[in-house]
Protein backbone atom coordinates (compact mmCIF):
# COMPACT_ATOMS: atom_id res chain seq x y z
CA MET A 1 53.69 -78.85 -57.72
CA SER A 2 50.21 -78.69 -57.58
CA GLY A 3 49.54 -75.45 -59.60
CA GLU A 4 47.78 -73.55 -56.67
CA ILE A 5 48.96 -70.53 -55.30
CA ASN A 6 49.65 -70.52 -51.48
CA ASP A 7 47.73 -67.06 -50.60
CA GLY A 8 49.07 -68.04 -46.94
CA GLY A 9 45.36 -67.29 -45.85
CA PRO A 10 43.50 -64.12 -44.68
CA ALA A 11 45.38 -61.07 -43.21
CA TYR A 12 43.09 -59.49 -41.51
CA PRO A 13 39.92 -61.54 -40.95
CA PHE A 14 37.12 -60.56 -38.68
CA GLN A 15 33.73 -61.22 -37.70
CA GLU A 16 30.48 -58.90 -37.38
CA HIS A 17 27.53 -59.66 -35.86
CA ASP A 18 24.73 -59.54 -38.51
CA GLY A 19 22.39 -57.37 -36.20
CA ASN A 20 19.24 -59.69 -36.49
CA GLY A 21 19.89 -62.22 -34.39
CA GLY A 22 21.19 -64.36 -36.98
CA GLY A 23 24.62 -65.02 -35.69
CA TYR A 24 28.30 -63.68 -36.98
CA MET A 25 29.30 -63.18 -40.59
CA THR A 26 32.99 -63.66 -41.38
CA PHE A 27 35.01 -61.41 -43.54
CA PRO A 28 38.25 -63.04 -44.44
CA GLY A 29 39.96 -59.46 -45.83
CA MET A 30 43.01 -59.59 -48.12
CA THR A 31 45.32 -62.42 -48.27
CA LEU A 32 48.68 -62.45 -46.63
CA ARG A 33 50.24 -62.84 -50.23
CA ASP A 34 48.46 -59.61 -51.40
CA TYR A 35 49.71 -57.96 -48.02
CA PHE A 36 53.15 -59.06 -48.52
CA ALA A 37 53.06 -58.17 -52.36
CA ALA A 38 51.57 -54.66 -51.48
CA ALA A 39 54.49 -53.98 -49.07
CA ALA A 40 56.99 -55.01 -51.83
CA MET A 41 55.10 -53.01 -54.27
CA GLN A 42 55.74 -49.99 -52.12
CA GLY A 43 59.14 -50.50 -51.72
CA LEU A 44 59.82 -50.96 -55.29
CA CYS A 45 58.02 -47.79 -56.56
CA ALA A 46 59.65 -46.18 -53.91
CA SER A 47 63.23 -46.77 -54.67
CA PHE A 48 62.57 -46.09 -58.52
CA SER A 49 63.29 -42.40 -59.80
CA GLY A 50 61.66 -42.89 -63.19
CA PRO A 51 58.36 -42.80 -64.35
CA CYS A 52 55.91 -45.01 -62.51
CA LEU A 53 52.92 -45.28 -64.70
CA ASP A 54 54.63 -46.84 -67.71
CA ASP A 55 52.79 -50.31 -68.53
CA ALA A 56 55.82 -52.14 -69.00
CA PHE A 57 57.04 -50.72 -65.54
CA VAL A 58 54.02 -51.68 -63.81
CA THR A 59 54.09 -55.21 -64.97
CA GLU A 60 57.54 -56.14 -63.85
CA VAL A 61 56.67 -54.31 -60.51
CA VAL A 62 53.65 -56.65 -59.95
CA SER A 63 55.37 -59.53 -61.06
CA ARG A 64 58.35 -59.06 -58.95
CA ALA A 65 56.24 -58.07 -55.90
CA LEU A 66 54.36 -61.30 -56.16
CA ASP A 67 57.72 -63.18 -56.63
CA VAL A 68 58.82 -61.39 -53.24
CA ALA A 69 55.31 -62.38 -51.55
CA ASP A 70 55.61 -66.01 -52.62
CA ALA A 71 59.22 -65.94 -51.32
CA MET A 72 58.20 -64.52 -47.81
CA LEU A 73 55.33 -67.63 -47.85
CA ALA A 74 57.82 -70.26 -48.70
CA ALA A 75 60.14 -68.89 -46.03
CA ARG A 76 57.04 -69.00 -43.33
CA GLU A 77 56.38 -72.62 -44.45
CA ARG A 78 60.18 -73.76 -44.07
CA LYS A 79 60.23 -72.14 -40.42
CA ASP A 80 57.05 -73.97 -39.48
CA GLU A 81 58.37 -77.11 -40.93
CA SER A 82 61.46 -77.12 -39.05
CA LYS A 83 59.60 -76.81 -35.46
């Protein structure tokens, strides 16, 4: 394993004209990994009935959300490779 994290690339990239005739500026936006992790965190927090601001809880949710995001990206890669 190379140690690099697959971030899936930009989730919502966009280009905007610079307004000065110089062309377009590209903004990558958040990564697909961040998008997947945010969705996973939302579900994890919504399903928990205890206090959500405890440091240990937050650390665990973030770790699990990133695990879910990484698993989703890995599944996408496997699907792409099987085509």
